[in-house]
Amino acid sequence: MRNIKPPRRTKADGKAPILLAVEDTDGMLNAWCPFCASFHHHGKEEGMRTAHCDDPKSPFNQTGYLVKNGTTYLTRYLVESDKG
C-alpha cells in the first residue's frame, strides 16, 4: 500500500487546525465541529475559515480553521489502497 500524505498547510495557513469536510450534493463543504457537535457549512473552496461555532469556549473562535476536502482525500486514499 502506498503512503498517502495527510492534507498539508501552507505558510499562509499558519498553525490553524485542519478540519476535513465532506461535500454535499451541491459541492459545498461541511466540516464537523467537535466543540458544538454540529456541522459548519462553508463554500466550495478549501482554505482558511472563520469558525461558525456556537460554543463560546471553542478555540476555533480565536484561530479559525483550515477546511480541506475530506471527500477528495478519502477517495484518493481508497483508490491508492485498492492498488495494493
N, C-alpha and C. Protein backbone atom coordinates (compact mmCIF):
# COMPACT_ATOMS: atom_id res chain seq x y z
N MET A 1 0.85 -1.18 0.00
CA MET A 1 0.00 0.00 0.00
C MET A 1 0.90 1.24 0.00
N ARG A 2 0.50 2.24 -0.77
CA ARG A 2 1.24 3.49 -0.83
C ARG A 2 1.02 4.32 0.42
N ASN A 3 1.99 5.15 0.71
CA ASN A 3 1.88 6.05 1.85
C ASN A 3 1.14 7.31 1.40
N ILE A 4 -0.08 7.50 1.84
CA ILE A 4 -0.87 8.67 1.49
C ILE A 4 -0.58 9.77 2.51
N LYS A 5 -0.14 10.90 2.01
CA LYS A 5 0.19 12.01 2.90
C LYS A 5 -1.08 12.75 3.32
N PRO A 6 -1.13 13.21 4.57
CA PRO A 6 -2.29 13.98 5.03
C PRO A 6 -2.32 15.35 4.37
N PRO A 7 -3.44 16.03 4.43
CA PRO A 7 -3.52 17.39 3.88
C PRO A 7 -2.43 18.27 4.49
N ARG A 8 -1.84 19.14 3.66
CA ARG A 8 -0.75 19.99 4.13
C ARG A 8 -1.19 21.43 4.28
N ARG A 9 -0.49 22.14 5.14
CA ARG A 9 -0.69 23.56 5.34
C ARG A 9 0.29 24.31 4.43
N THR A 10 -0.02 25.54 4.17
CA THR A 10 0.94 26.44 3.52
C THR A 10 1.41 27.42 4.58
N LYS A 11 2.41 28.20 4.28
CA LYS A 11 2.88 29.20 5.24
C LYS A 11 1.77 30.16 5.63
N ALA A 12 0.92 30.48 4.68
CA ALA A 12 -0.17 31.43 4.95
C ALA A 12 -1.18 30.88 5.94
N ASP A 13 -1.29 29.55 6.02
CA ASP A 13 -2.27 28.93 6.92
C ASP A 13 -1.83 29.02 8.38
N GLY A 14 -0.55 29.23 8.60
CA GLY A 14 -0.04 29.28 9.96
C GLY A 14 -0.24 27.97 10.69
N LYS A 15 -0.69 28.05 11.90
CA LYS A 15 -0.87 26.85 12.73
C LYS A 15 -2.33 26.56 12.99
N ALA A 16 -3.18 27.04 12.14
CA ALA A 16 -4.61 26.80 12.32
C ALA A 16 -4.90 25.31 12.20
N PRO A 17 -5.84 24.80 12.98
CA PRO A 17 -6.20 23.39 12.88
C PRO A 17 -6.84 23.08 11.53
N ILE A 18 -6.69 21.83 11.09
CA ILE A 18 -7.30 21.38 9.84
C ILE A 18 -8.56 20.61 10.17
N LEU A 19 -9.66 20.96 9.52
CA LEU A 19 -10.90 20.19 9.61
C LEU A 19 -11.18 19.59 8.24
N LEU A 20 -11.31 18.27 8.21
CA LEU A 20 -11.69 17.62 6.96
C LEU A 20 -13.20 17.76 6.80
N ALA A 21 -13.61 18.18 5.63
CA ALA A 21 -15.03 18.42 5.36
C ALA A 21 -15.54 17.43 4.32
N VAL A 22 -16.84 17.21 4.34
CA VAL A 22 -17.48 16.38 3.33
C VAL A 22 -18.30 17.27 2.41
N GLU A 23 -18.36 16.88 1.15
CA GLU A 23 -19.14 17.65 0.18
C GLU A 23 -20.60 17.23 0.25
N ASP A 24 -21.49 18.21 0.13
CA ASP A 24 -22.90 17.87 0.00
C ASP A 24 -23.22 17.74 -1.49
N THR A 25 -24.48 17.56 -1.84
CA THR A 25 -24.85 17.33 -3.23
C THR A 25 -24.61 18.55 -4.13
N ASP A 26 -24.45 19.73 -3.52
CA ASP A 26 -24.15 20.94 -4.28
C ASP A 26 -22.65 21.24 -4.33
N GLY A 27 -21.85 20.36 -3.73
CA GLY A 27 -20.41 20.58 -3.71
C GLY A 27 -19.93 21.50 -2.60
N MET A 28 -20.84 21.90 -1.71
CA MET A 28 -20.46 22.75 -0.58
C MET A 28 -19.74 21.88 0.47
N LEU A 29 -18.78 22.48 1.16
CA LEU A 29 -18.01 21.76 2.16
C LEU A 29 -18.62 21.94 3.55
N ASN A 30 -18.76 20.82 4.26
CA ASN A 30 -19.38 20.79 5.58
C ASN A 30 -18.43 20.11 6.55
N ALA A 31 -17.96 20.86 7.54
CA ALA A 31 -16.98 20.36 8.50
C ALA A 31 -17.64 20.12 9.85
N TRP A 32 -17.38 18.96 10.43
CA TRP A 32 -17.91 18.63 11.74
C TRP A 32 -17.11 19.34 12.82
N CYS A 33 -17.80 20.02 13.71
CA CYS A 33 -17.15 20.71 14.82
C CYS A 33 -17.26 19.87 16.09
N PRO A 34 -16.13 19.47 16.66
CA PRO A 34 -16.18 18.67 17.88
C PRO A 34 -16.58 19.47 19.12
N PHE A 35 -16.59 20.79 19.01
CA PHE A 35 -16.90 21.64 20.18
C PHE A 35 -18.38 21.91 20.33
N CYS A 36 -19.07 22.15 19.21
CA CYS A 36 -20.52 22.40 19.32
C CYS A 36 -21.33 21.21 18.77
N ALA A 37 -20.62 20.15 18.35
CA ALA A 37 -21.24 18.91 17.88
C ALA A 37 -22.27 19.14 16.78
N SER A 38 -21.83 19.91 15.77
CA SER A 38 -22.68 20.14 14.61
C SER A 38 -21.79 20.44 13.40
N PHE A 39 -22.40 20.41 12.23
CA PHE A 39 -21.65 20.74 11.02
C PHE A 39 -21.60 22.25 10.83
N HIS A 40 -20.45 22.72 10.40
CA HIS A 40 -20.28 24.11 9.98
C HIS A 40 -20.27 24.08 8.46
N HIS A 41 -21.15 24.85 7.84
CA HIS A 41 -21.32 24.83 6.39
C HIS A 41 -20.53 25.97 5.75
N HIS A 42 -19.73 25.61 4.75
CA HIS A 42 -18.88 26.57 4.08
C HIS A 42 -19.06 26.47 2.57
N GLY A 43 -18.33 27.28 1.84
CA GLY A 43 -18.42 27.28 0.38
C GLY A 43 -17.76 26.06 -0.24
N LYS A 44 -17.51 26.14 -1.53
CA LYS A 44 -16.97 25.00 -2.28
C LYS A 44 -15.45 24.92 -2.27
N GLU A 45 -14.79 25.98 -1.85
CA GLU A 45 -13.33 26.05 -1.89
C GLU A 45 -12.71 25.69 -0.55
N GLU A 46 -11.55 25.02 -0.60
CA GLU A 46 -10.77 24.76 0.60
C GLU A 46 -10.09 26.06 1.03
N GLY A 47 -9.70 26.13 2.29
CA GLY A 47 -8.95 27.29 2.77
C GLY A 47 -9.32 27.68 4.18
N MET A 48 -8.74 28.79 4.62
CA MET A 48 -8.99 29.30 5.97
C MET A 48 -10.42 29.79 6.11
N ARG A 49 -11.01 29.50 7.25
CA ARG A 49 -12.38 29.91 7.53
C ARG A 49 -12.48 30.48 8.94
N THR A 50 -13.42 31.36 9.11
CA THR A 50 -13.81 31.84 10.43
C THR A 50 -14.78 30.82 11.00
N ALA A 51 -14.63 30.50 12.26
CA ALA A 51 -15.49 29.50 12.89
C ALA A 51 -16.94 29.97 12.96
N HIS A 52 -17.84 29.05 12.77
CA HIS A 52 -19.28 29.29 12.95
C HIS A 52 -19.74 28.60 14.23
N CYS A 53 -18.87 28.53 15.19
CA CYS A 53 -19.10 27.72 16.38
C CYS A 53 -20.00 28.43 17.40
N ASP A 54 -20.99 27.68 17.89
CA ASP A 54 -21.90 28.20 18.91
C ASP A 54 -21.33 28.09 20.32
N ASP A 55 -20.24 27.33 20.47
CA ASP A 55 -19.63 27.15 21.79
C ASP A 55 -18.63 28.29 22.03
N PRO A 56 -18.92 29.18 22.98
CA PRO A 56 -18.03 30.31 23.22
C PRO A 56 -16.64 29.89 23.71
N LYS A 57 -16.50 28.65 24.21
CA LYS A 57 -15.21 28.17 24.68
C LYS A 57 -14.39 27.50 23.58
N SER A 58 -14.94 27.40 22.40
CA SER A 58 -14.23 26.74 21.30
C SER A 58 -12.99 27.53 20.91
N PRO A 59 -11.83 26.86 20.84
CA PRO A 59 -10.62 27.57 20.39
C PRO A 59 -10.71 27.99 18.92
N PHE A 60 -11.61 27.37 18.16
CA PHE A 60 -11.78 27.75 16.75
C PHE A 60 -12.24 29.20 16.62
N ASN A 61 -12.95 29.72 17.63
CA ASN A 61 -13.40 31.11 17.58
C ASN A 61 -12.23 32.08 17.56
N GLN A 62 -11.10 31.67 18.13
CA GLN A 62 -9.91 32.51 18.15
C GLN A 62 -9.02 32.29 16.92
N THR A 63 -8.87 31.04 16.52
CA THR A 63 -7.91 30.70 15.47
C THR A 63 -8.51 30.57 14.08
N GLY A 64 -9.81 30.29 14.01
CA GLY A 64 -10.37 29.86 12.74
C GLY A 64 -9.85 28.45 12.46
N TYR A 65 -10.04 27.96 11.25
CA TYR A 65 -9.52 26.65 10.90
C TYR A 65 -9.38 26.54 9.39
N LEU A 66 -8.59 25.58 9.00
CA LEU A 66 -8.34 25.32 7.59
C LEU A 66 -9.26 24.19 7.15
N VAL A 67 -10.14 24.46 6.19
CA VAL A 67 -11.05 23.45 5.68
C VAL A 67 -10.39 22.75 4.50
N LYS A 68 -10.30 21.44 4.58
CA LYS A 68 -9.79 20.61 3.49
C LYS A 68 -10.89 19.65 3.08
N ASN A 69 -10.96 19.36 1.79
CA ASN A 69 -11.99 18.48 1.26
C ASN A 69 -11.66 17.03 1.63
N GLY A 70 -12.32 16.53 2.66
CA GLY A 70 -12.10 15.16 3.11
C GLY A 70 -12.64 14.13 2.14
N THR A 71 -13.65 14.50 1.36
CA THR A 71 -14.21 13.58 0.37
C THR A 71 -13.14 13.25 -0.66
N THR A 72 -12.46 14.27 -1.16
CA THR A 72 -11.39 14.07 -2.13
C THR A 72 -10.26 13.27 -1.51
N TYR A 73 -9.87 13.62 -0.30
CA TYR A 73 -8.77 12.95 0.39
C TYR A 73 -9.10 11.48 0.62
N LEU A 74 -10.29 11.18 1.10
CA LEU A 74 -10.69 9.80 1.35
C LEU A 74 -10.76 9.00 0.06
N THR A 75 -11.30 9.58 -0.99
CA THR A 75 -11.38 8.89 -2.29
C THR A 75 -9.98 8.54 -2.78
N ARG A 76 -9.06 9.52 -2.70
CA ARG A 76 -7.69 9.28 -3.11
C ARG A 76 -7.07 8.14 -2.30
N TYR A 77 -7.32 8.14 -1.00
CA TYR A 77 -6.78 7.11 -0.11
C TYR A 77 -7.32 5.73 -0.49
N LEU A 78 -8.62 5.64 -0.73
CA LEU A 78 -9.24 4.36 -1.08
C LEU A 78 -8.73 3.83 -2.41
N VAL A 79 -8.56 4.72 -3.39
CA VAL A 79 -8.06 4.31 -4.70
C VAL A 79 -6.64 3.80 -4.57
N GLU A 80 -5.80 4.53 -3.84
CA GLU A 80 -4.40 4.11 -3.65
C GLU A 80 -4.33 2.80 -2.86
N SER A 81 -5.17 2.64 -1.86
CA SER A 81 -5.18 1.42 -1.05
C SER A 81 -5.59 0.23 -1.88
N ASP A 82 -6.51 0.43 -2.80
CA ASP A 82 -7.02 -0.64 -3.64
C ASP A 82 -5.94 -1.14 -4.60
N LYS A 83 -4.96 -0.30 -4.92
CA LYS A 83 -3.90 -0.68 -5.85
C LYS A 83 -2.95 -1.70 -5.22
N GLY A 84 -3.02 -1.81 -3.90
CA GLY A 84 -2.26 -2.81 -3.20
C GLY A 84 -0.88 -2.42 -2.93
